[in-house]
C-alpha cells in the first residue's frame, strides 16, 4: 500500500495536461476581454460616424 501511494505521488503525467488546460483557459479569458473592449470601442466609432453622416 505504501509503494502504491509513493508511485501515485511521483506520477506527474496528469499535471502537464492540467497546466496546459490552465494556460489555454487564461489565454481564452484574455482574448475575450480584449475583443469585448475593442468591440465596444469600435461600436462607439461606428455610432459617431453614423451620427456624423446624419
N, C-alpha and C. Protein backbone atom coordinates (compact mmCIF):
# COMPACT_ATOMS: atom_id res chain seq x y z
N UNK A 1 0.82 -1.19 0.00
CA UNK A 1 0.00 0.00 0.00
C UNK A 1 0.87 1.26 0.00
N UNK A 2 1.95 1.20 0.77
CA UNK A 2 2.84 2.35 0.85
C UNK A 2 3.51 2.63 -0.49
N UNK A 3 3.91 1.59 -1.21
CA UNK A 3 4.55 1.78 -2.51
C UNK A 3 3.55 2.30 -3.54
N UNK A 4 2.30 1.90 -3.43
CA UNK A 4 1.27 2.41 -4.33
C UNK A 4 1.08 3.91 -4.12
N UNK A 5 1.04 4.34 -2.89
CA UNK A 5 0.89 5.77 -2.59
C UNK A 5 2.12 6.55 -3.06
N UNK A 6 3.30 5.99 -2.88
CA UNK A 6 4.54 6.65 -3.32
C UNK A 6 4.55 6.79 -4.84
N UNK A 7 4.11 5.78 -5.56
CA UNK A 7 4.03 5.86 -7.02
C UNK A 7 3.02 6.92 -7.45
N UNK A 8 1.90 6.99 -6.76
CA UNK A 8 0.87 7.98 -7.08
C UNK A 8 1.38 9.39 -6.88
N UNK A 9 2.14 9.64 -5.83
CA UNK A 9 2.68 10.97 -5.55
C UNK A 9 3.72 11.36 -6.59
N UNK A 10 4.52 10.41 -7.07
CA UNK A 10 5.58 10.70 -8.05
C UNK A 10 5.04 10.87 -9.47
N UNK A 11 3.86 10.36 -9.76
CA UNK A 11 3.30 10.42 -11.11
C UNK A 11 2.89 11.85 -11.44
N UNK A 12 3.53 12.42 -12.45
CA UNK A 12 3.25 13.81 -12.84
C UNK A 12 2.68 13.91 -14.25
N UNK A 13 2.22 12.82 -14.81
CA UNK A 13 1.73 12.84 -16.19
C UNK A 13 0.47 13.68 -16.34
N UNK A 14 -0.39 13.68 -15.35
CA UNK A 14 -1.61 14.47 -15.42
C UNK A 14 -1.38 15.94 -15.14
N UNK A 15 -0.31 16.26 -14.44
CA UNK A 15 -0.03 17.65 -14.08
C UNK A 15 0.25 18.49 -15.32
N UNK A 16 0.92 17.94 -16.30
CA UNK A 16 1.22 18.68 -17.53
C UNK A 16 -0.06 19.01 -18.28
N UNK A 17 -0.97 18.06 -18.37
CA UNK A 17 -2.23 18.30 -19.06
C UNK A 17 -3.03 19.38 -18.35
N UNK A 18 -3.04 19.36 -17.04
CA UNK A 18 -3.76 20.38 -16.27
C UNK A 18 -3.12 21.74 -16.49
N UNK A 19 -1.80 21.81 -16.51
CA UNK A 19 -1.12 23.08 -16.74
C UNK A 19 -1.45 23.64 -18.11
N UNK A 20 -1.44 22.78 -19.14
CA UNK A 20 -1.80 23.24 -20.48
C UNK A 20 -3.25 23.72 -20.52
N UNK A 21 -4.11 23.04 -19.82
CA UNK A 21 -5.51 23.45 -19.75
C UNK A 21 -5.67 24.81 -19.09
N UNK A 22 -4.94 25.04 -18.01
CA UNK A 22 -4.99 26.33 -17.33
C UNK A 22 -4.44 27.45 -18.20
N UNK A 23 -3.38 27.18 -18.93
CA UNK A 23 -2.81 28.19 -19.83
C UNK A 23 -3.82 28.52 -20.94
N UNK A 24 -4.45 27.49 -21.51
CA UNK A 24 -5.45 27.72 -22.56
C UNK A 24 -6.63 28.53 -22.03
N UNK A 25 -7.06 28.23 -20.81
CA UNK A 25 -8.17 28.98 -20.21
C UNK A 25 -7.79 30.43 -19.98
N UNK A 26 -6.57 30.67 -19.52
CA UNK A 26 -6.11 32.04 -19.28
C UNK A 26 -6.04 32.82 -20.59
N UNK A 27 -5.51 32.19 -21.63
CA UNK A 27 -5.44 32.85 -22.93
C UNK A 27 -6.83 33.16 -23.45
N UNK A 28 -7.77 32.26 -23.25
CA UNK A 28 -9.15 32.48 -23.69
C UNK A 28 -9.78 33.66 -22.96
N UNK A 29 -9.57 33.75 -21.66
CA UNK A 29 -10.14 34.85 -20.88
C UNK A 29 -9.56 36.19 -21.35
N UNK A 30 -8.26 36.23 -21.57
CA UNK A 30 -7.62 37.47 -22.03
C UNK A 30 -8.13 37.84 -23.42
N UNK A 31 -8.26 36.86 -24.31
CA UNK A 31 -8.75 37.14 -25.66
C UNK A 31 -10.18 37.66 -25.63
N UNK A 32 -11.04 37.06 -24.83
CA UNK A 32 -12.42 37.51 -24.74
C UNK A 32 -12.50 38.92 -24.18
N UNK A 33 -11.73 39.20 -23.14
CA UNK A 33 -11.73 40.55 -22.56
C UNK A 33 -11.23 41.58 -23.56
N UNK A 34 -10.19 41.25 -24.28
CA UNK A 34 -9.63 42.17 -25.28
C UNK A 34 -10.61 42.42 -26.41
N UNK A 35 -11.20 41.37 -26.94
CA UNK A 35 -12.15 41.52 -28.04
C UNK A 35 -13.40 42.26 -27.61
N UNK A 36 -13.84 42.07 -26.38
CA UNK A 36 -15.00 42.81 -25.87
C UNK A 36 -14.69 44.30 -25.80
N UNK A 37 -13.53 44.63 -25.29
CA UNK A 37 -13.14 46.04 -25.19
C UNK A 37 -13.00 46.68 -26.56
N UNK A 38 -12.34 45.99 -27.47
CA UNK A 38 -12.16 46.51 -28.83
C UNK A 38 -13.51 46.64 -29.52
N UNK A 39 -14.38 45.66 -29.33
CA UNK A 39 -15.71 45.70 -29.93
C UNK A 39 -16.53 46.88 -29.43
N UNK A 40 -16.44 47.17 -28.15
CA UNK A 40 -17.17 48.30 -27.59
C UNK A 40 -16.66 49.62 -28.16
N UNK A 41 -15.35 49.76 -28.24
CA UNK A 41 -14.77 50.98 -28.80
C UNK A 41 -15.09 51.12 -30.28
N UNK A 42 -15.05 50.02 -31.01
CA UNK A 42 -15.36 50.04 -32.43
C UNK A 42 -16.82 50.40 -32.66
N UNK A 43 -17.70 49.89 -31.83
CA UNK A 43 -19.11 50.23 -31.92
C UNK A 43 -19.31 51.72 -31.69
N UNK A 44 -18.60 52.28 -30.73
CA UNK A 44 -18.67 53.72 -30.47
C UNK A 44 -18.23 54.53 -31.67
N UNK A 45 -17.19 54.08 -32.35
CA UNK A 45 -16.70 54.77 -33.55
C UNK A 45 -17.75 54.73 -34.66
N UNK A 46 -18.38 53.57 -34.87
CA UNK A 46 -19.40 53.45 -35.90
C UNK A 46 -20.61 54.34 -35.59
N UNK A 47 -20.99 54.42 -34.33
CA UNK A 47 -22.11 55.28 -33.94
C UNK A 47 -21.74 56.74 -34.21
N UNK A 48 -20.50 57.12 -33.89
CA UNK A 48 -20.07 58.50 -34.13
C UNK A 48 -20.07 58.82 -35.63
N UNK A 49 -19.62 57.89 -36.45
CA UNK A 49 -19.62 58.08 -37.89
C UNK A 49 -21.05 58.17 -38.42
N UNK A 50 -21.91 57.31 -37.92
CA UNK A 50 -23.31 57.31 -38.34
C UNK A 50 -23.98 58.63 -37.98
N UNK A 51 -23.72 59.12 -36.77
CA UNK A 51 -24.29 60.39 -36.35
C UNK A 51 -23.73 61.54 -37.18
N UNK A 52 -22.47 61.45 -37.57
CA UNK A 52 -21.85 62.49 -38.39
C UNK A 52 -22.43 62.53 -39.79
N UNK A 53 -22.83 61.38 -40.31
CA UNK A 53 -23.41 61.33 -41.64
C UNK A 53 -24.85 61.82 -41.66
N UNK A 54 -25.51 61.75 -40.55
CA UNK A 54 -26.91 62.21 -40.48
C UNK A 54 -26.89 63.67 -40.32
